[in-house]
N, C-alpha and C. Protein backbone atom coordinates (compact mmCIF):
# COMPACT_ATOMS: atom_id res chain seq x y z
N PHE A 1 -15.50 -9.17 2.29
CA PHE A 1 -15.80 -8.66 1.15
C PHE A 1 -16.80 -9.89 0.61
N SER A 2 -17.77 -9.45 -0.05
CA SER A 2 -18.74 -10.38 -0.66
C SER A 2 -18.58 -10.37 -2.33
N THR A 3 -18.48 -11.50 -2.86
CA THR A 3 -18.31 -11.62 -4.10
C THR A 3 -19.73 -11.71 -5.07
N THR A 4 -20.70 -11.75 -4.47
CA THR A 4 -21.98 -11.84 -5.08
C THR A 4 -22.77 -10.57 -5.28
N SER A 5 -22.30 -9.50 -4.48
CA SER A 5 -23.17 -8.28 -4.63
C SER A 5 -22.29 -7.12 -5.02
N ALA A 6 -22.91 -6.09 -5.32
CA ALA A 6 -22.28 -4.88 -5.82
C ALA A 6 -21.53 -4.34 -4.57
N SER A 7 -20.31 -3.92 -4.97
CA SER A 7 -19.38 -3.63 -3.73
C SER A 7 -18.52 -2.24 -4.03
N ASN A 8 -18.30 -1.56 -2.93
CA ASN A 8 -17.52 -0.35 -3.09
C ASN A 8 -16.30 -0.58 -2.08
N ASN A 9 -15.29 -1.41 -2.35
CA ASN A 9 -14.25 -1.68 -1.52
C ASN A 9 -13.03 -0.98 -1.75
N LYS A 10 -12.52 -0.26 -0.77
CA LYS A 10 -11.23 0.38 -0.63
C LYS A 10 -10.25 -0.14 0.03
N VAL A 11 -9.05 -0.44 -0.63
CA VAL A 11 -8.01 -1.00 0.11
C VAL A 11 -6.78 -0.07 0.04
N ALA A 12 -6.01 0.16 1.17
CA ALA A 12 -4.79 0.78 1.31
C ALA A 12 -3.59 -0.04 1.28
N VAL A 13 -2.61 0.32 0.63
CA VAL A 13 -1.25 -0.40 0.81
C VAL A 13 -0.23 0.68 1.42
N LEU A 14 0.17 0.52 2.55
CA LEU A 14 1.23 1.35 3.14
C LEU A 14 2.53 0.82 2.97
N GLY A 15 3.50 1.31 2.13
CA GLY A 15 4.74 0.75 1.66
C GLY A 15 4.43 0.42 0.34
N ALA A 16 3.85 1.05 -0.42
CA ALA A 16 3.26 0.63 -1.85
C ALA A 16 4.48 0.83 -2.94
N SER A 17 5.67 1.54 -2.50
CA SER A 17 6.56 1.69 -3.50
C SER A 17 7.70 0.75 -3.27
N GLY A 18 7.99 -0.24 -2.25
CA GLY A 18 8.83 -1.05 -2.04
C GLY A 18 8.88 -2.35 -2.94
N GLY A 19 9.68 -3.15 -2.46
CA GLY A 19 9.87 -4.46 -3.16
C GLY A 19 8.75 -5.27 -2.84
N ILE A 20 8.21 -5.36 -1.90
CA ILE A 20 6.91 -5.99 -1.63
C ILE A 20 5.70 -5.40 -2.03
N GLY A 21 5.68 -3.98 -1.82
CA GLY A 21 4.48 -3.25 -1.92
C GLY A 21 4.00 -3.07 -3.45
N GLN A 22 5.01 -2.96 -4.24
CA GLN A 22 4.68 -2.86 -5.72
C GLN A 22 4.01 -4.04 -6.33
N PRO A 23 4.67 -5.15 -6.10
CA PRO A 23 3.93 -6.43 -6.77
C PRO A 23 2.59 -6.75 -5.98
N MET A 24 2.64 -6.48 -4.73
CA MET A 24 1.44 -6.60 -4.11
C MET A 24 0.25 -5.64 -4.64
N SER A 25 0.57 -4.53 -4.92
CA SER A 25 -0.36 -3.56 -5.44
C SER A 25 -0.89 -3.95 -6.80
N LEU A 26 0.05 -4.45 -7.45
CA LEU A 26 -0.16 -4.86 -8.89
C LEU A 26 -1.36 -6.18 -8.75
N LEU A 27 -1.03 -6.93 -7.84
CA LEU A 27 -2.03 -8.19 -7.66
C LEU A 27 -3.41 -7.67 -7.08
N LEU A 28 -3.28 -6.64 -6.19
CA LEU A 28 -4.54 -6.00 -5.83
C LEU A 28 -5.44 -5.42 -6.87
N LYS A 29 -4.56 -4.79 -7.73
CA LYS A 29 -5.31 -3.97 -8.89
C LYS A 29 -6.21 -5.03 -9.76
N HIS A 30 -5.75 -6.20 -9.74
CA HIS A 30 -6.26 -7.18 -10.64
C HIS A 30 -7.50 -7.76 -9.96
N ASN A 31 -7.81 -7.63 -8.60
CA ASN A 31 -8.75 -8.17 -7.86
C ASN A 31 -10.12 -7.48 -8.16
N PRO A 32 -11.15 -8.27 -8.82
CA PRO A 32 -12.31 -7.63 -9.11
C PRO A 32 -13.23 -7.08 -8.03
N ILE A 33 -13.04 -7.38 -6.81
CA ILE A 33 -13.96 -6.94 -5.86
C ILE A 33 -13.39 -5.66 -5.01
N ILE A 34 -12.05 -5.23 -5.49
CA ILE A 34 -11.71 -3.88 -4.98
C ILE A 34 -11.99 -2.81 -6.09
N THR A 35 -12.50 -1.66 -5.57
CA THR A 35 -12.96 -0.75 -6.44
C THR A 35 -12.07 0.50 -6.30
N GLN A 36 -11.39 0.72 -5.17
CA GLN A 36 -10.32 1.66 -5.00
C GLN A 36 -9.10 1.22 -4.43
N LEU A 37 -8.22 1.56 -4.86
CA LEU A 37 -6.72 1.16 -4.30
C LEU A 37 -6.01 2.32 -4.16
N ALA A 38 -5.57 2.42 -2.64
CA ALA A 38 -5.05 3.82 -2.25
C ALA A 38 -3.62 3.37 -1.76
N LEU A 39 -2.50 3.95 -2.57
CA LEU A 39 -1.19 3.64 -2.44
C LEU A 39 -0.44 4.71 -1.62
N TYR A 40 0.31 4.34 -0.68
CA TYR A 40 1.01 5.17 0.34
C TYR A 40 2.38 4.71 0.43
N ASP A 41 3.40 5.70 0.42
CA ASP A 41 4.64 5.45 0.74
C ASP A 41 5.37 6.80 1.09
N ILE A 42 6.61 6.89 1.31
CA ILE A 42 7.40 8.21 1.75
C ILE A 42 7.99 8.63 0.26
N ALA A 43 8.10 7.88 -0.68
CA ALA A 43 8.88 8.26 -1.93
C ALA A 43 8.19 7.47 -3.18
N HIS A 44 8.05 8.03 -4.22
CA HIS A 44 7.79 7.46 -5.56
C HIS A 44 6.38 6.90 -5.58
N THR A 45 5.40 7.05 -4.67
CA THR A 45 4.08 6.52 -4.85
C THR A 45 3.20 7.09 -5.92
N PRO A 46 3.28 8.32 -6.36
CA PRO A 46 2.41 8.78 -7.48
C PRO A 46 2.97 8.16 -8.75
N GLY A 47 4.16 7.77 -9.00
CA GLY A 47 4.57 6.91 -10.28
C GLY A 47 4.15 5.63 -10.24
N VAL A 48 4.24 5.04 -8.96
CA VAL A 48 3.65 3.57 -9.01
C VAL A 48 1.99 3.68 -9.25
N ALA A 49 1.41 4.70 -8.71
CA ALA A 49 -0.03 4.69 -8.95
C ALA A 49 -0.24 4.99 -10.36
N CYS A 50 0.43 5.94 -10.96
CA CYS A 50 0.28 6.09 -12.56
C CYS A 50 0.37 4.89 -13.25
N ASP A 51 1.53 4.25 -13.08
CA ASP A 51 1.82 2.97 -13.69
C ASP A 51 0.61 1.99 -13.75
N LEU A 52 0.08 1.72 -12.34
CA LEU A 52 -0.98 0.76 -12.29
C LEU A 52 -2.24 1.40 -12.77
N SER A 53 -2.48 2.55 -12.75
CA SER A 53 -3.68 3.06 -13.38
C SER A 53 -3.75 2.69 -14.92
N HIS A 54 -2.82 2.41 -15.56
CA HIS A 54 -2.86 2.03 -17.08
C HIS A 54 -3.50 0.59 -17.23
N ILE A 55 -3.54 -0.13 -16.18
CA ILE A 55 -3.99 -1.47 -16.22
C ILE A 55 -5.59 -1.28 -16.24
N GLU A 56 -6.15 -1.93 -17.26
CA GLU A 56 -7.54 -1.66 -17.47
C GLU A 56 -8.37 -2.72 -16.63
N THR A 57 -8.78 -2.30 -15.38
CA THR A 57 -9.67 -3.05 -14.42
C THR A 57 -10.71 -1.95 -14.04
N ALA A 58 -11.72 -2.46 -13.14
CA ALA A 58 -12.67 -1.70 -12.58
C ALA A 58 -12.30 -0.62 -11.38
N SER A 59 -11.10 -1.13 -10.92
CA SER A 59 -10.62 -0.34 -9.79
C SER A 59 -9.91 0.95 -10.12
N THR A 60 -9.88 1.99 -9.31
CA THR A 60 -9.10 3.29 -9.54
C THR A 60 -7.96 3.11 -8.50
N VAL A 61 -6.73 3.89 -9.00
CA VAL A 61 -5.76 3.85 -8.11
C VAL A 61 -5.37 5.35 -7.89
N THR A 62 -4.98 5.53 -6.66
CA THR A 62 -4.59 6.93 -6.19
C THR A 62 -3.29 6.87 -5.33
N GLY A 63 -2.33 7.63 -5.51
CA GLY A 63 -1.10 7.66 -4.84
C GLY A 63 -1.00 8.65 -3.84
N TYR A 64 -0.53 8.34 -2.64
CA TYR A 64 -0.35 9.35 -1.60
C TYR A 64 1.15 9.43 -1.24
N LEU A 65 1.48 10.50 -0.68
CA LEU A 65 3.09 10.75 -0.56
C LEU A 65 3.30 11.46 0.91
N GLY A 66 4.02 10.90 1.75
CA GLY A 66 4.39 11.59 2.92
C GLY A 66 3.37 11.40 4.04
N ASP A 67 3.77 12.16 5.32
CA ASP A 67 2.87 11.98 6.37
C ASP A 67 1.59 13.07 6.22
N ALA A 68 1.86 14.07 5.60
CA ALA A 68 0.68 14.83 5.34
C ALA A 68 -0.62 14.29 4.60
N GLU A 69 -0.23 13.18 3.76
CA GLU A 69 -1.42 12.58 2.99
C GLU A 69 -1.80 11.26 3.52
N LEU A 70 -1.16 10.78 4.69
CA LEU A 70 -1.59 9.43 5.16
C LEU A 70 -3.06 9.42 5.68
N GLY A 71 -3.60 10.41 6.19
CA GLY A 71 -4.96 10.47 6.67
C GLY A 71 -5.92 10.40 5.40
N ALA A 72 -5.65 11.06 4.38
CA ALA A 72 -6.33 11.01 3.14
C ALA A 72 -6.47 9.63 2.67
N CYS A 73 -5.30 8.92 2.66
CA CYS A 73 -5.00 7.56 2.00
C CYS A 73 -5.96 6.58 2.87
N LEU A 74 -6.04 6.78 4.10
CA LEU A 74 -6.79 5.72 5.01
C LEU A 74 -8.18 6.01 5.03
N ASP A 75 -8.61 7.15 4.76
CA ASP A 75 -10.02 7.67 4.81
C ASP A 75 -10.96 6.70 4.11
N GLY A 76 -11.78 5.95 4.86
CA GLY A 76 -12.94 5.24 4.17
C GLY A 76 -12.29 3.83 3.72
N CYS A 77 -11.22 3.43 4.28
CA CYS A 77 -10.61 2.13 3.88
C CYS A 77 -11.37 0.88 4.59
N ASP A 78 -11.68 -0.06 3.89
CA ASP A 78 -12.11 -1.33 4.38
C ASP A 78 -11.04 -2.22 4.75
N VAL A 79 -9.92 -2.25 4.13
CA VAL A 79 -8.80 -3.13 4.38
C VAL A 79 -7.47 -2.18 4.33
N VAL A 80 -6.52 -2.42 5.29
CA VAL A 80 -5.19 -1.62 5.16
C VAL A 80 -4.16 -2.87 5.18
N VAL A 81 -3.34 -2.95 4.24
CA VAL A 81 -2.00 -3.81 4.27
C VAL A 81 -0.83 -3.09 4.47
N CYS A 82 0.00 -3.69 5.25
CA CYS A 82 1.33 -2.74 5.50
C CYS A 82 2.62 -3.45 5.22
N PRO A 83 2.96 -3.50 4.11
CA PRO A 83 4.34 -4.20 3.76
C PRO A 83 5.40 -3.31 4.00
N ALA A 84 5.27 -2.01 4.55
CA ALA A 84 6.42 -1.29 4.82
C ALA A 84 7.40 -1.67 5.79
N GLY A 85 8.35 -1.31 5.21
CA GLY A 85 9.84 -1.52 6.08
C GLY A 85 10.98 -1.45 5.33
N VAL A 86 12.16 -1.89 5.73
CA VAL A 86 13.40 -1.83 5.04
C VAL A 86 13.99 -3.24 5.05
N PRO A 87 14.63 -3.54 4.02
CA PRO A 87 15.37 -4.84 4.12
C PRO A 87 16.58 -4.86 4.94
N ARG A 88 17.05 -6.14 5.29
CA ARG A 88 18.10 -6.29 6.10
C ARG A 88 19.32 -5.92 5.39
N LYS A 89 20.21 -5.13 6.17
CA LYS A 89 21.44 -4.66 5.52
C LYS A 89 22.56 -5.48 6.10
N PRO A 90 23.79 -5.32 5.30
CA PRO A 90 24.84 -6.14 5.83
C PRO A 90 25.12 -5.75 7.27
N GLY A 91 25.58 -6.55 8.10
CA GLY A 91 26.04 -6.40 9.39
C GLY A 91 24.84 -6.08 10.32
N MET A 92 23.50 -5.99 9.93
CA MET A 92 22.31 -5.72 10.78
C MET A 92 21.99 -7.18 11.23
N THR A 93 21.71 -7.08 12.58
CA THR A 93 21.10 -8.43 13.29
C THR A 93 19.57 -8.39 12.92
N ARG A 94 18.84 -9.62 13.23
CA ARG A 94 17.53 -9.72 13.15
C ARG A 94 16.79 -8.73 14.09
N ASP A 95 17.40 -8.72 15.36
CA ASP A 95 16.90 -7.71 16.42
C ASP A 95 16.81 -6.26 15.92
N ASP A 96 17.79 -5.85 15.11
CA ASP A 96 18.16 -4.44 14.71
C ASP A 96 16.90 -4.30 13.51
N LEU A 97 16.96 -5.38 12.61
CA LEU A 97 15.86 -5.17 11.60
C LEU A 97 14.36 -5.06 12.27
N PHE A 98 14.33 -5.98 13.21
CA PHE A 98 12.95 -5.81 13.98
C PHE A 98 12.64 -4.65 14.45
N ASN A 99 13.61 -3.99 15.10
CA ASN A 99 13.34 -2.79 15.75
C ASN A 99 13.09 -1.48 14.97
N THR A 100 13.96 -1.64 13.91
CA THR A 100 13.85 -0.61 12.68
C THR A 100 12.34 -0.69 12.05
N ASN A 101 12.01 -1.91 11.57
CA ASN A 101 10.73 -2.13 11.05
C ASN A 101 9.51 -1.96 11.94
N ALA A 102 9.68 -2.25 13.13
CA ALA A 102 8.66 -2.20 14.18
C ALA A 102 8.40 -0.52 14.44
N SER A 103 9.37 0.37 14.25
CA SER A 103 9.36 1.68 14.57
C SER A 103 8.45 2.28 13.31
N ILE A 104 8.80 1.77 12.20
CA ILE A 104 8.10 2.16 10.86
C ILE A 104 6.71 1.92 11.06
N VAL A 105 6.28 0.82 11.40
CA VAL A 105 4.82 0.25 11.51
C VAL A 105 4.23 1.21 12.70
N ARG A 106 4.87 1.41 13.80
CA ARG A 106 4.29 2.15 14.81
C ARG A 106 4.03 3.56 14.43
N ASP A 107 4.85 4.18 13.63
CA ASP A 107 4.73 5.39 13.15
C ASP A 107 3.42 5.65 12.25
N LEU A 108 3.12 4.44 11.43
CA LEU A 108 2.17 4.48 10.43
C LEU A 108 0.71 4.33 11.36
N VAL A 109 0.85 3.53 12.40
CA VAL A 109 -0.41 3.30 13.19
C VAL A 109 -0.75 4.60 13.99
């Protein structure tokens, strides 16, 4: 991204409704070189997008929900950030956590 010329930069956040995705989306909303912020997750994304749209910045925010809307979310993106995953649960090994989250990322790709 260039900070000296006019830009039209679209960034997608996959996993935007989670504990990492929400604050990351908030920070990206404040970035002056991002003009479109596309938020995707399997639940609650339209609400997160609505909340962020009330912040007065130059970027627009759109929420996408579920597998059927993933393609539209990614269309025309310059950058894709993927904080999607699940937190470690009691009794879960690191290998279990890695395998679970790797399958989530694999399905998004």
